[in-house]
Amino acid sequence: MNAAEIKRLRTQSVLKELISEALSSLDDELLRGLCVTDVECKRGRYDAFVYLDKMAFDEREQAYIISHLSRVNRHLQNHCMAAEGWYRCPNFHFKFDDRLEYQNHMNSLFSKAAAEINKGQK
């Protein structure tokens, strides 16, 4: 792991905390209750993909949240820059995290396969 990758990982970790903190200071109740599951910075740290937990929201609420997050994006960036003393902050791209659903689906498939194997051995 080289120095640039370590710096990128540190930035991701710091942004995960700062974005959660900034979201909790907003007036909108839906935005205030969002949970940031992960932040992934691209090489060069010009763009950051912010993954949000979607378990408590339906499709309509998710669309509302994404549209309102794009409106408060600059406020979130300013919060991060002020807290860390940065002169520049990555552009945030918000997405709802599907990885947990995917992982649960894969676990259920492995459980089915294991049950079939055990059933065939008996």
PDB file of N, CA and C in Angstrom:
ATOM      1  N   MET A   1       0.860  -1.176   0.000  1.00  0.00           N
ATOM      2  CA  MET A   1       0.000   0.000   0.000  1.00  0.00           C
ATOM      3  C   MET A   1       0.902   1.235   0.000  1.00  0.00           C
ATOM      4  N   ASN A   2       0.705   2.071  -0.990  1.00  0.00           N
ATOM      5  CA  ASN A   2       1.551   3.255  -1.097  1.00  0.00           C
ATOM      6  C   ASN A   2       0.937   4.432  -0.326  1.00  0.00           C
ATOM      7  N   ALA A   3       1.668   5.514  -0.268  1.00  0.00           N
ATOM      8  CA  ALA A   3       1.253   6.671   0.533  1.00  0.00           C
ATOM      9  C   ALA A   3      -0.031   7.305   0.006  1.00  0.00           C
ATOM     10  N   ALA A   4      -0.209   7.347  -1.321  1.00  0.00           N
ATOM     11  CA  ALA A   4      -1.415   7.945  -1.893  1.00  0.00           C
ATOM     12  C   ALA A   4      -2.661   7.146  -1.527  1.00  0.00           C
ATOM     13  N   GLU A   5      -2.523   5.830  -1.521  1.00  0.00           N
ATOM     14  CA  GLU A   5      -3.675   4.990  -1.158  1.00  0.00           C
ATOM     15  C   GLU A   5      -4.015   5.124   0.320  1.00  0.00           C
ATOM     16  N   ILE A   6      -3.010   5.240   1.160  1.00  0.00           N
ATOM     17  CA  ILE A   6      -3.245   5.447   2.590  1.00  0.00           C
ATOM     18  C   ILE A   6      -3.954   6.770   2.814  1.00  0.00           C
ATOM     19  N   LYS A   7      -3.538   7.811   2.101  1.00  0.00           N
ATOM     20  CA  LYS A   7      -4.167   9.119   2.232  1.00  0.00           C
ATOM     21  C   LYS A   7      -5.616   9.073   1.761  1.00  0.00           C
ATOM     22  N   ARG A   8      -5.890   8.333   0.679  1.00  0.00           N
ATOM     23  CA  ARG A   8      -7.256   8.193   0.176  1.00  0.00           C
ATOM     24  C   ARG A   8      -8.140   7.453   1.190  1.00  0.00           C
ATOM     25  N   LEU A   9      -7.611   6.394   1.786  1.00  0.00           N
ATOM     26  CA  LEU A   9      -8.370   5.646   2.798  1.00  0.00           C
ATOM     27  C   LEU A   9      -8.651   6.497   4.031  1.00  0.00           C
ATOM     28  N   ARG A  10      -7.679   7.312   4.423  1.00  0.00           N
ATOM     29  CA  ARG A  10      -7.879   8.206   5.566  1.00  0.00           C
ATOM     30  C   ARG A  10      -8.951   9.239   5.249  1.00  0.00           C
ATOM     31  N   THR A  11      -8.921   9.787   4.033  1.00  0.00           N
ATOM     32  CA  THR A  11      -9.929  10.762   3.613  1.00  0.00           C
ATOM     33  C   THR A  11     -11.316  10.134   3.634  1.00  0.00           C
ATOM     34  N   GLN A  12     -11.428   8.901   3.151  1.00  0.00           N
ATOM     35  CA  GLN A  12     -12.716   8.205   3.174  1.00  0.00           C
ATOM     36  C   GLN A  12     -13.238   8.058   4.591  1.00  0.00           C
ATOM     37  N   SER A  13     -12.372   7.672   5.503  1.00  0.00           N
ATOM     38  CA  SER A  13     -12.767   7.482   6.897  1.00  0.00           C
ATOM     39  C   SER A  13     -13.228   8.792   7.531  1.00  0.00           C
ATOM     40  N   VAL A  14     -12.470   9.854   7.281  1.00  0.00           N
ATOM     41  CA  VAL A  14     -12.817  11.166   7.841  1.00  0.00           C
ATOM     42  C   VAL A  14     -14.140  11.658   7.257  1.00  0.00           C
ATOM     43  N   LEU A  15     -14.323  11.490   5.942  1.00  0.00           N
ATOM     44  CA  LEU A  15     -15.557  11.946   5.300  1.00  0.00           C
ATOM     45  C   LEU A  15     -16.776  11.192   5.818  1.00  0.00           C
ATOM     46  N   LYS A  16     -16.615   9.919   6.098  1.00  0.00           N
ATOM     47  CA  LYS A  16     -17.745   9.126   6.627  1.00  0.00           C
ATOM     48  C   LYS A  16     -18.241   9.729   7.938  1.00  0.00           C
ATOM     49  N   GLU A  17     -17.330  10.125   8.797  1.00  0.00           N
ATOM     50  CA  GLU A  17     -17.709  10.734  10.070  1.00  0.00           C
ATOM     51  C   GLU A  17     -18.267  12.139   9.876  1.00  0.00           C
ATOM     52  N   LEU A  18     -17.598  12.941   9.053  1.00  0.00           N
ATOM     53  CA  LEU A  18     -18.008  14.332   8.886  1.00  0.00           C
ATOM     54  C   LEU A  18     -19.350  14.471   8.177  1.00  0.00           C
ATOM     55  N   ILE A  19     -19.615  13.638   7.185  1.00  0.00           N
ATOM     56  CA  ILE A  19     -20.892  13.721   6.471  1.00  0.00           C
ATOM     57  C   ILE A  19     -22.030  13.334   7.408  1.00  0.00           C
ATOM     58  N   SER A  20     -21.828  12.305   8.214  1.00  0.00           N
ATOM     59  CA  SER A  20     -22.850  11.924   9.196  1.00  0.00           C
ATOM     60  C   SER A  20     -23.119  13.065  10.173  1.00  0.00           C
ATOM     61  N   GLU A  21     -22.054  13.701  10.614  1.00  0.00           N
ATOM     62  CA  GLU A  21     -22.173  14.839  11.536  1.00  0.00           C
ATOM     63  C   GLU A  21     -22.914  16.000  10.870  1.00  0.00           C
ATOM     64  N   ALA A  22     -22.585  16.297   9.617  1.00  0.00           N
ATOM     65  CA  ALA A  22     -23.226  17.395   8.900  1.00  0.00           C
ATOM     66  C   ALA A  22     -24.702  17.099   8.639  1.00  0.00           C
ATOM     67  N   LEU A  23     -25.017  15.854   8.322  1.00  0.00           N
ATOM     68  CA  LEU A  23     -26.419  15.486   8.083  1.00  0.00           C
ATOM     69  C   LEU A  23     -27.260  15.645   9.348  1.00  0.00           C
ATOM     70  N   SER A  24     -26.665  15.353  10.488  1.00  0.00           N
ATOM     71  CA  SER A  24     -27.424  15.452  11.742  1.00  0.00           C
ATOM     72  C   SER A  24     -27.728  16.901  12.117  1.00  0.00           C
ATOM     73  N   SER A  25     -27.047  17.856  11.500  1.00  0.00           N
ATOM     74  CA  SER A  25     -27.287  19.261  11.816  1.00  0.00           C
ATOM     75  C   SER A  25     -28.321  19.914  10.892  1.00  0.00           C
ATOM     76  N   LEU A  26     -28.858  19.167   9.935  1.00  0.00           N
ATOM     77  CA  LEU A  26     -29.820  19.731   8.984  1.00  0.00           C
ATOM     78  C   LEU A  26     -31.209  19.837   9.599  1.00  0.00           C
ATOM     79  N   ASP A  27     -32.059  20.671   8.990  1.00  0.00           N
ATOM     80  CA  ASP A  27     -33.416  20.879   9.480  1.00  0.00           C
ATOM     81  C   ASP A  27     -34.384  19.780   9.035  1.00  0.00           C
ATOM     82  N   ASP A  28     -34.140  19.182   7.889  1.00  0.00           N
ATOM     83  CA  ASP A  28     -35.032  18.167   7.340  1.00  0.00           C
ATOM     84  C   ASP A  28     -34.929  16.876   8.155  1.00  0.00           C
ATOM     85  N   GLU A  29     -36.062  16.403   8.650  1.00  0.00           N
ATOM     86  CA  GLU A  29     -36.097  15.219   9.516  1.00  0.00           C
ATOM     87  C   GLU A  29     -35.603  13.960   8.790  1.00  0.00           C
ATOM     88  N   LEU A  30     -35.983  13.787   7.530  1.00  0.00           N
ATOM     89  CA  LEU A  30     -35.541  12.607   6.771  1.00  0.00           C
ATOM     90  C   LEU A  30     -34.034  12.619   6.559  1.00  0.00           C
ATOM     91  N   LEU A  31     -33.499  13.775   6.231  1.00  0.00           N
ATOM     92  CA  LEU A  31     -32.059  13.871   5.995  1.00  0.00           C
ATOM     93  C   LEU A  31     -31.267  13.736   7.287  1.00  0.00           C
ATOM     94  N   ARG A  32     -31.836  14.220   8.366  1.00  0.00           N
ATOM     95  CA  ARG A  32     -31.145  14.168   9.656  1.00  0.00           C
ATOM     96  C   ARG A  32     -30.981  12.728  10.138  1.00  0.00           C
ATOM     97  N   GLY A  33     -31.912  11.850   9.765  1.00  0.00           N
ATOM     98  CA  GLY A  33     -31.867  10.471  10.242  1.00  0.00           C
ATOM     99  C   GLY A  33     -31.124   9.512   9.333  1.00  0.00           C
ATOM    100  N   LEU A  34     -30.452  10.019   8.308  1.00  0.00           N
ATOM    101  CA  LEU A  34     -29.749   9.136   7.378  1.00  0.00           C
ATOM    102  C   LEU A  34     -28.512   8.521   8.015  1.00  0.00           C
ATOM    103  N   CYS A  35     -28.238   7.300   7.613  1.00  0.00           N
ATOM    104  CA  CYS A  35     -27.059   6.592   8.096  1.00  0.00           C
ATOM    105  C   CYS A  35     -26.096   6.392   6.926  1.00  0.00           C
ATOM    106  N   VAL A  36     -24.898   6.919   7.048  1.00  0.00           N
ATOM    107  CA  VAL A  36     -23.873   6.760   6.020  1.00  0.00           C
ATOM    108  C   VAL A  36     -23.176   5.429   6.270  1.00  0.00           C
ATOM    109  N   THR A  37     -23.291   4.504   5.304  1.00  0.00           N
ATOM    110  CA  THR A  37     -22.683   3.186   5.485  1.00  0.00           C
ATOM    111  C   THR A  37     -21.245   3.136   4.983  1.00  0.00           C
ATOM    112  N   ASP A  38     -20.949   3.941   3.958  1.00  0.00           N
ATOM    113  CA  ASP A  38     -19.584   3.916   3.417  1.00  0.00           C
ATOM    114  C   ASP A  38     -19.348   5.153   2.559  1.00  0.00           C
ATOM    115  N   VAL A  39     -18.097   5.509   2.420  1.00  0.00           N
ATOM    116  CA  VAL A  39     -17.684   6.574   1.511  1.00  0.00           C
ATOM    117  C   VAL A  39     -16.531   6.024   0.693  1.00  0.00           C
ATOM    118  N   GLU A  40     -16.617   6.193  -0.620  1.00  0.00           N
ATOM    119  CA  GLU A  40     -15.588   5.684  -1.517  1.00  0.00           C
ATOM    120  C   GLU A  40     -15.072   6.840  -2.369  1.00  0.00           C
ATOM    121  N   CYS A  41     -13.835   7.223  -2.141  1.00  0.00           N
ATOM    122  CA  CYS A  41     -13.215   8.298  -2.921  1.00  0.00           C
ATOM    123  C   CYS A  41     -12.542   7.698  -4.146  1.00  0.00           C
ATOM    124  N   LYS A  42     -12.701   8.371  -5.242  1.00  0.00           N
ATOM    125  CA  LYS A  42     -12.020   7.948  -6.460  1.00  0.00           C
ATOM    126  C   LYS A  42     -10.594   8.462  -6.430  1.00  0.00           C
ATOM    127  N   ARG A  43      -9.777   7.907  -7.288  1.00  0.00           N
ATOM    128  CA  ARG A  43      -8.379   8.314  -7.351  1.00  0.00           C
ATOM    129  C   ARG A  43      -8.301   9.813  -7.631  1.00  0.00           C
ATOM    130  N   GLY A  44      -7.497  10.509  -6.888  1.00  0.00           N
ATOM    131  CA  GLY A  44      -7.381  11.954  -7.003  1.00  0.00           C
ATOM    132  C   GLY A  44      -8.280  12.684  -6.029  1.00  0.00           C
ATOM    133  N   ARG A  45      -9.219  11.987  -5.435  1.00  0.00           N
ATOM    134  CA  ARG A  45     -10.135  12.505  -4.417  1.00  0.00           C
ATOM    135  C   ARG A  45     -10.926  13.719  -4.904  1.00  0.00           C
ATOM    136  N   TYR A  46     -11.298  13.733  -6.185  1.00  0.00           N
ATOM    137  CA  TYR A  46     -12.163  14.793  -6.701  1.00  0.00           C
ATOM    138  C   TYR A  46     -13.632  14.427  -6.544  1.00  0.00           C
ATOM    139  N   ASP A  47     -13.910  13.137  -6.527  1.00  0.00           N
ATOM    140  CA  ASP A  47     -15.280  12.642  -6.389  1.00  0.00           C
ATOM    141  C   ASP A  47     -15.334  11.625  -5.267  1.00  0.00           C
ATOM    142  N   ALA A  48     -16.429  11.680  -4.499  1.00  0.00           N
ATOM    143  CA  ALA A  48     -16.643  10.719  -3.424  1.00  0.00           C
ATOM    144  C   ALA A  48     -18.067  10.193  -3.541  1.00  0.00           C
ATOM    145  N   PHE A  49     -18.193   8.881  -3.554  1.00  0.00           N
ATOM    146  CA  PHE A  49     -19.504   8.246  -3.584  1.00  0.00           C
ATOM    147  C   PHE A  49     -19.891   7.920  -2.148  1.00  0.00           C
ATOM    148  N   VAL A  50     -21.005   8.494  -1.720  1.00  0.00           N
ATOM    149  CA  VAL A  50     -21.483   8.333  -0.353  1.00  0.00           C
ATOM    150  C   VAL A  50     -22.637   7.339  -0.385  1.00  0.00           C
ATOM    151  N   TYR A  51     -22.465   6.220   0.306  1.00  0.00           N
ATOM    152  CA  TYR A  51     -23.473   5.178   0.337  1.00  0.00           C
ATOM    153  C   TYR A  51     -24.316   5.316   1.595  1.00  0.00           C
ATOM    154  N   LEU A  52     -25.632   5.291   1.409  1.00  0.00           N
ATOM    155  CA  LEU A  52     -26.584   5.496   2.491  1.00  0.00           C
ATOM    156  C   LEU A  52     -27.387   4.227   2.728  1.00  0.00           C
ATOM    157  N   ASP A  53     -27.776   3.997   3.971  1.00  0.00           N
ATOM    158  CA  ASP A  53     -28.608   2.855   4.320  1.00  0.00           C
ATOM    159  C   ASP A  53     -30.037   3.124   3.859  1.00  0.00           C
ATOM    160  N   LYS A  54     -30.610   2.189   3.126  1.00  0.00           N
ATOM    161  CA  LYS A  54     -31.941   2.414   2.559  1.00  0.00           C
ATOM    162  C   LYS A  54     -33.016   1.556   3.195  1.00  0.00           C
ATOM    163  N   MET A  55     -32.727   0.859   4.252  1.00  0.00           N
ATOM    164  CA  MET A  55     -33.671  -0.105   4.813  1.00  0.00           C
ATOM    165  C   MET A  55     -34.992   0.516   5.276  1.00  0.00           C
ATOM    166  N   ALA A  56     -35.005   1.727   5.727  1.00  0.00           N
ATOM    167  CA  ALA A  56     -36.223   2.322   6.301  1.00  0.00           C
ATOM    168  C   ALA A  56     -37.022   3.147   5.289  1.00  0.00           C
ATOM    169  N   PHE A  57     -36.593   3.194   4.025  1.00  0.00           N
ATOM    170  CA  PHE A  57     -37.216   4.100   3.070  1.00  0.00           C
ATOM    171  C   PHE A  57     -37.782   3.358   1.872  1.00  0.00           C
ATOM    172  N   ASP A  58     -38.933   3.831   1.390  1.00  0.00           N
ATOM    173  CA  ASP A  58     -39.489   3.272   0.159  1.00  0.00           C
ATOM    174  C   ASP A  58     -38.935   4.053  -1.038  1.00  0.00           C
ATOM    175  N   GLU A  59     -39.361   3.685  -2.247  1.00  0.00           N
ATOM    176  CA  GLU A  59     -38.823   4.293  -3.466  1.00  0.00           C
ATOM    177  C   GLU A  59     -39.082   5.803  -3.521  1.00  0.00           C
ATOM    178  N   ARG A  60     -40.277   6.230  -3.115  1.00  0.00           N
ATOM    179  CA  ARG A  60     -40.629   7.650  -3.162  1.00  0.00           C
ATOM    180  C   ARG A  60     -39.757   8.456  -2.199  1.00  0.00           C
ATOM    181  N   GLU A  61     -39.566   7.930  -0.997  1.00  0.00           N
ATOM    182  CA  GLU A  61     -38.720   8.617  -0.017  1.00  0.00           C
ATOM    183  C   GLU A  61     -37.262   8.653  -0.471  1.00  0.00           C
ATOM    184  N   GLN A  62     -36.802   7.591  -1.117  1.00  0.00           N
ATOM    185  CA  GLN A  62     -35.431   7.570  -1.616  1.00  0.00           C
ATOM    186  C   GLN A  62     -35.215   8.641  -2.681  1.00  0.00           C
ATOM    187  N   ALA A  63     -36.182   8.802  -3.579  1.00  0.00           N
ATOM    188  CA  ALA A  63     -36.073   9.840  -4.614  1.00  0.00           C
ATOM    189  C   ALA A  63     -36.066  11.227  -3.976  1.00  0.00           C
ATOM    190  N   TYR A  64     -36.914  11.432  -2.961  1.00  0.00           N
ATOM    191  CA  TYR A  64     -36.956  12.705  -2.240  1.00  0.00           C
ATOM    192  C   TYR A  64     -35.600  12.988  -1.591  1.00  0.00           C
ATOM    193  N   ILE A  65     -35.045  11.988  -0.946  1.00  0.00           N
ATOM    194  CA  ILE A  65     -33.782  12.152  -0.226  1.00  0.00           C
ATOM    195  C   ILE A  65     -32.650  12.495  -1.187  1.00  0.00           C
ATOM    196  N   ILE A  66     -32.563  11.779  -2.302  1.00  0.00           N
ATOM    197  CA  ILE A  66     -31.491  12.043  -3.271  1.00  0.00           C
ATOM    198  C   ILE A  66     -31.611  13.461  -3.832  1.00  0.00           C
ATOM    199  N   SER A  67     -32.834  13.886  -4.149  1.00  0.00           N
ATOM    200  CA  SER A  67     -33.002  15.232  -4.707  1.00  0.00           C
ATOM    201  C   SER A  67     -32.646  16.306  -3.685  1.00  0.00           C
ATOM    202  N   HIS A  68     -32.993  16.089  -2.421  1.00  0.00           N
ATOM    203  CA  HIS A  68     -32.682  17.089  -1.403  1.00  0.00           C
ATOM    204  C   HIS A  68     -31.205  17.068  -1.006  1.00  0.00           C
ATOM    205  N   LEU A  69     -30.586  15.914  -1.098  1.00  0.00           N
ATOM    206  CA  LEU A  69     -29.149  15.867  -0.811  1.00  0.00           C
ATOM    207  C   LEU A  69     -28.354  16.633  -1.861  1.00  0.00           C
ATOM    208  N   SER A  70     -28.825  16.620  -3.097  1.00  0.00           N
ATOM    209  CA  SER A  70     -28.126  17.393  -4.121  1.00  0.00           C
ATOM    210  C   SER A  70     -28.245  18.895  -3.847  1.00  0.00           C
ATOM    211  N   ARG A  71     -29.329  19.300  -3.185  1.00  0.00           N
ATOM    212  CA  ARG A  71     -29.509  20.717  -2.837  1.00  0.00           C
ATOM    213  C   ARG A  71     -28.607  21.154  -1.684  1.00  0.00           C
ATOM    214  N   VAL A  72     -28.370  20.258  -0.730  1.00  0.00           N
ATOM    215  CA  VAL A  72     -27.559  20.618   0.440  1.00  0.00           C
ATOM    216  C   VAL A  72     -26.110  20.149   0.295  1.00  0.00           C
ATOM    217  N   ASN A  73     -25.759  19.700  -0.900  1.00  0.00           N
ATOM    218  CA  ASN A  73     -24.418  19.183  -1.155  1.00  0.00           C
ATOM    219  C   ASN A  73     -23.340  20.200  -0.790  1.00  0.00           C
ATOM    220  N   ARG A  74     -23.524  21.435  -1.185  1.00  0.00           N
ATOM    221  CA  ARG A  74     -22.525  22.476  -0.911  1.00  0.00           C
ATOM    222  C   ARG A  74     -22.384  22.732   0.590  1.00  0.00           C
ATOM    223  N   HIS A  75     -23.505  22.682   1.317  1.00  0.00           N
ATOM    224  CA  HIS A  75     -23.461  22.847   2.772  1.00  0.00           C
ATOM    225  C   HIS A  75     -22.626  21.722   3.402  1.00  0.00           C
ATOM    226  N   LEU A  76     -22.815  20.498   2.929  1.00  0.00           N
ATOM    227  CA  LEU A  76     -22.059  19.361   3.456  1.00  0.00           C
ATOM    228  C   LEU A  76     -20.570  19.511   3.146  1.00  0.00           C
ATOM    229  N   GLN A  77     -20.261  19.970   1.947  1.00  0.00           N
ATOM    230  CA  GLN A  77     -18.862  20.185   1.581  1.00  0.00           C
ATOM    231  C   GLN A  77     -18.228  21.279   2.456  1.00  0.00           C
ATOM    232  N   ASN A  78     -18.950  22.369   2.664  1.00  0.00           N
ATOM    233  CA  ASN A  78     -18.428  23.448   3.508  1.00  0.00           C
ATOM    234  C   ASN A  78     -18.187  22.970   4.932  1.00  0.00           C
ATOM    235  N   HIS A  79     -19.081  22.136   5.449  1.00  0.00           N
ATOM    236  CA  HIS A  79     -18.921  21.590   6.801  1.00  0.00           C
ATOM    237  C   HIS A  79     -17.628  20.757   6.878  1.00  0.00           C
ATOM    238  N   CYS A  80     -17.412  19.914   5.879  1.00  0.00           N
ATOM    239  CA  CYS A  80     -16.218  19.069   5.868  1.00  0.00           C
ATOM    240  C   CYS A  80     -14.946  19.896   5.744  1.00  0.00           C
ATOM    241  N   MET A  81     -14.978  20.911   4.891  1.00  0.00           N
ATOM    242  CA  MET A  81     -13.792  21.761   4.723  1.00  0.00           C
ATOM    243  C   MET A  81     -13.483  22.539   5.995  1.00  0.00           C
ATOM    244  N   ALA A  82     -14.513  23.047   6.671  1.00  0.00           N
ATOM    245  CA  ALA A  82     -14.294  23.816   7.894  1.00  0.00           C
ATOM    246  C   ALA A  82     -13.791  22.925   9.023  1.00  0.00           C
ATOM    247  N   ALA A  83     -14.318  21.722   9.118  1.00  0.00           N
ATOM    248  CA  ALA A  83     -13.933  20.833  10.212  1.00  0.00           C
ATOM    249  C   ALA A  83     -12.496  20.337  10.074  1.00  0.00           C
ATOM    250  N   GLU A  84     -12.048  20.096   8.846  1.00  0.00           N
ATOM    251  CA  GLU A  84     -10.710  19.557   8.636  1.00  0.00           C
ATOM    252  C   GLU A  84      -9.683  20.602   8.213  1.00  0.00           C
ATOM    253  N   GLY A  85     -10.140  21.809   7.892  1.00  0.00           N
ATOM    254  CA  GLY A  85      -9.217  22.837   7.440  1.00  0.00           C
ATOM    255  C   GLY A  85      -8.768  22.634   5.998  1.00  0.00           C
ATOM    256  N   TRP A  86      -9.544  21.920   5.239  1.00  0.00           N
ATOM    257  CA  TRP A  86      -9.223  21.680   3.828  1.00  0.00           C
ATOM    258  C   TRP A  86      -9.562  22.907   3.012  1.00  0.00           C
ATOM    259  N   TYR A  87      -8.904  23.078   1.893  1.00  0.00           N
ATOM    260  CA  TYR A  87      -9.248  24.156   0.970  1.00  0.00           C
ATOM    261  C   TYR A  87     -10.137  23.646  -0.161  1.00  0.00           C
ATOM    262  N   ARG A  88     -10.262  22.326  -0.261  1.00  0.00           N
ATOM    263  CA  ARG A  88     -11.078  21.709  -1.299  1.00  0.00           C
ATOM    264  C   ARG A  88     -11.673  20.420  -0.748  1.00  0.00           C
ATOM    265  N   CYS A  89     -12.878  20.110  -1.190  1.00  0.00           N
ATOM    266  CA  CYS A  89     -13.572  18.910  -0.735  1.00  0.00           C
ATOM    267  C   CYS A  89     -14.075  18.159  -1.971  1.00  0.00           C
ATOM    268  N   PRO A  90     -14.106  16.839  -1.940  1.00  0.00           N
ATOM    269  CA  PRO A  90     -14.608  16.093  -3.102  1.00  0.00           C
ATOM    270  C   PRO A  90     -16.074  16.413  -3.391  1.00  0.00           C
ATOM    271  N   ASN A  91     -16.463  16.232  -4.634  1.00  0.00           N
ATOM    272  CA  ASN A  91     -17.877  16.335  -5.006  1.00  0.00           C
ATOM    273  C   ASN A  91     -18.579  15.063  -4.544  1.00  0.00           C
ATOM    274  N   PHE A  92     -19.671  15.221  -3.816  1.00  0.00           N
ATOM    275  CA  PHE A  92     -20.376  14.066  -3.276  1.00  0.00           C
ATOM    276  C   PHE A  92     -21.424  13.569  -4.262  1.00  0.00           C
ATOM    277  N   HIS A  93     -21.459  12.262  -4.430  1.00  0.00           N
ATOM    278  CA  HIS A  93     -22.472  11.592  -5.234  1.00  0.00           C
ATOM    279  C   HIS A  93     -23.147  10.596  -4.304  1.00  0.00           C
ATOM    280  N   PHE A  94     -24.427  10.794  -4.051  1.00  0.00           N
ATOM    281  CA  PHE A  94     -25.138   9.982  -3.071  1.00  0.00           C
ATOM    282  C   PHE A  94     -25.836   8.813  -3.746  1.00  0.00           C
ATOM    283  N   LYS A  95     -25.709   7.645  -3.105  1.00  0.00           N
ATOM    284  CA  LYS A  95     -26.343   6.423  -3.588  1.00  0.00           C
ATOM    285  C   LYS A  95     -26.863   5.655  -2.382  1.00  0.00           C
ATOM    286  N   PHE A  96     -27.924   4.900  -2.615  1.00  0.00           N
ATOM    287  CA  PHE A  96     -28.392   4.015  -1.562  1.00  0.00           C
ATOM    288  C   PHE A  96     -27.662   2.683  -1.695  1.00  0.00           C
ATOM    289  N   ASP A  97     -27.258   2.132  -0.579  1.00  0.00           N
ATOM    290  CA  ASP A  97     -26.395   0.954  -0.526  1.00  0.00           C
ATOM    291  C   ASP A  97     -27.209  -0.317  -0.727  1.00  0.00           C
ATOM    292  N   ASP A  98     -26.912  -1.034  -1.800  1.00  0.00           N
ATOM    293  CA  ASP A  98     -27.571  -2.307  -2.084  1.00  0.00           C
ATOM    294  C   ASP A  98     -26.706  -3.492  -1.667  1.00  0.00           C
ATOM    295  N   ARG A  99     -25.539  -3.229  -1.142  1.00  0.00           N
ATOM    296  CA  ARG A  99     -24.605  -4.318  -0.849  1.00  0.00           C
ATOM    297  C   ARG A  99     -25.120  -5.255   0.237  1.00  0.00           C
ATOM    298  N   LEU A 100     -25.840  -4.740   1.232  1.00  0.00           N
ATOM    299  CA  LEU A 100     -26.360  -5.599   2.292  1.00  0.00           C
ATOM    300  C   LEU A 100     -27.411  -6.552   1.743  1.00  0.00           C
ATOM    301  N   GLU A 101     -28.290  -6.055   0.892  1.00  0.00           N
ATOM    302  CA  GLU A 101     -29.290  -6.921   0.265  1.00  0.00           C
ATOM    303  C   GLU A 101     -28.619  -7.984  -0.589  1.00  0.00           C
ATOM    304  N   TYR A 102     -27.588  -7.587  -1.338  1.00  0.00           N
ATOM    305  CA  TYR A 102     -26.855  -8.524  -2.181  1.00  0.00           C
ATOM    306  C   TYR A 102     -26.187  -9.599  -1.324  1.00  0.00           C
ATOM    307  N   GLN A 103     -25.584  -9.195  -0.223  1.00  0.00           N
ATOM    308  CA  GLN A 103     -24.920 -10.142   0.667  1.00  0.00           C
ATOM    309  C   GLN A 103     -25.928 -11.107   1.281  1.00  0.00           C
ATOM    310  N   ASN A 104     -27.093 -10.598   1.693  1.00  0.00           N
ATOM    311  CA  ASN A 104     -28.126 -11.476   2.252  1.00  0.00           C
ATOM    312  C   ASN A 104     -28.624 -12.466   1.209  1.00  0.00           C
ATOM    313  N   HIS A 105     -28.771 -12.009  -0.027  1.00  0.00           N
ATOM    314  CA  HIS A 105     -29.199 -12.885  -1.106  1.00  0.00           C
ATOM    315  C   HIS A 105     -28.162 -13.984  -1.352  1.00  0.00           C
ATOM    316  N   MET A 106     -26.884 -13.611  -1.373  1.00  0.00           N
ATOM    317  CA  MET A 106     -25.819 -14.598  -1.570  1.00  0.00           C
ATOM    318  C   MET A 106     -25.785 -15.607  -0.423  1.00  0.00           C
ATOM    319  N   ASN A 107     -25.984 -15.150   0.811  1.00  0.00           N
ATOM    320  CA  ASN A 107     -26.016 -16.058   1.956  1.00  0.00           C
ATOM    321  C   ASN A 107     -27.159 -17.054   1.847  1.00  0.00           C
ATOM    322  N   SER A 108     -28.327 -16.585   1.398  1.00  0.00           N
ATOM    323  CA  SER A 108     -29.461 -17.506   1.246  1.00  0.00           C
ATOM    324  C   SER A 108     -29.187 -18.519   0.146  1.00  0.00           C
ATOM    325  N   LEU A 109     -28.521 -18.112  -0.936  1.00  0.00           N
ATOM    326  CA  LEU A 109     -28.171 -19.054  -1.996  1.00  0.00           C
ATOM    327  C   LEU A 109     -27.179 -20.098  -1.501  1.00  0.00           C
ATOM    328  N   PHE A 110     -26.181 -19.675  -0.721  1.00  0.00           N
ATOM    329  CA  PHE A 110     -25.223 -20.629  -0.169  1.00  0.00           C
ATOM    330  C   PHE A 110     -25.901 -21.588   0.810  1.00  0.00           C
ATOM    331  N   SER A 111     -26.862 -21.086   1.583  1.00  0.00           N
ATOM    332  CA  SER A 111     -27.600 -21.951   2.510  1.00  0.00           C
ATOM    333  C   SER A 111     -28.410 -22.993   1.750  1.00  0.00           C
ATOM    334  N   LYS A 112     -29.055 -22.573   0.649  1.00  0.00           N
ATOM    335  CA  LYS A 112     -29.815 -23.517  -0.177  1.00  0.00           C
ATOM    336  C   LYS A 112     -28.898 -24.577  -0.776  1.00  0.00           C
ATOM    337  N   ALA A 113     -27.747 -24.131  -1.268  1.00  0.00           N
ATOM    338  CA  ALA A 113     -26.799 -25.072  -1.871  1.00  0.00           C
ATOM    339  C   ALA A 113     -26.296 -26.069  -0.818  1.00  0.00           C
ATOM    340  N   ALA A 114     -25.991 -25.596   0.370  1.00  0.00           N
ATOM    341  CA  ALA A 114     -25.541 -26.480   1.435  1.00  0.00           C
ATOM    342  C   ALA A 114     -26.623 -27.468   1.821  1.00  0.00           C
ATOM    343  N   ALA A 115     -27.882 -27.024   1.859  1.00  0.00           N
ATOM    344  CA  ALA A 115     -28.995 -27.918   2.188  1.00  0.00           C
ATOM    345  C   ALA A 115     -29.165 -28.983   1.108  1.00  0.00           C
ATOM    346  N   GLU A 116     -29.008 -28.615  -0.143  1.00  0.00           N
ATOM    347  CA  GLU A 116     -29.113 -29.582  -1.242  1.00  0.00           C
ATOM    348  C   GLU A 116     -27.980 -30.602  -1.167  1.00  0.00           C
ATOM    349  N   ILE A 117     -26.777 -30.143  -0.859  1.00  0.00           N
ATOM    350  CA  ILE A 117     -25.640 -31.059  -0.757  1.00  0.00           C
ATOM    351  C   ILE A 117     -25.856 -32.030   0.397  1.00  0.00           C
ATOM    352  N   ASN A 118     -26.296 -31.524   1.545  1.00  0.00           N
ATOM    353  CA  ASN A 118     -26.545 -32.383   2.700  1.00  0.00           C
ATOM    354  C   ASN A 118     -27.685 -33.348   2.411  1.00  0.00           C
ATOM    355  N   LYS A 119     -28.689 -32.923   1.698  1.00  0.00           N
ATOM    356  CA  LYS A 119     -29.838 -33.749   1.347  1.00  0.00           C
ATOM    357  C   LYS A 119     -29.400 -34.867   0.398  1.00  0.00           C
ATOM    358  N   GLY A 120     -28.498 -34.568  -0.523  1.00  0.00           N
ATOM    359  CA  GLY A 120     -28.016 -35.545  -1.485  1.00  0.00           C
ATOM    360  C   GLY A 120     -27.090 -36.562  -0.850  1.00  0.00           C
ATOM    361  N   GLN A 121     -26.400 -36.213   0.248  1.00  0.00           N
ATOM    362  CA  GLN A 121     -25.472 -37.131   0.911  1.00  0.00           C
ATOM    363  C   GLN A 121     -26.181 -38.127   1.801  1.00  0.00           C
ATOM    364  N   LYS A 122     -27.398 -37.840   2.207  1.00  0.00           N
ATOM    365  CA  LYS A 122     -28.111 -38.735   3.136  1.00  0.00           C
ATOM    366  C   LYS A 122     -28.814 -39.834   2.425  1.00  0.00           C
TER     367      LYS A 122
END
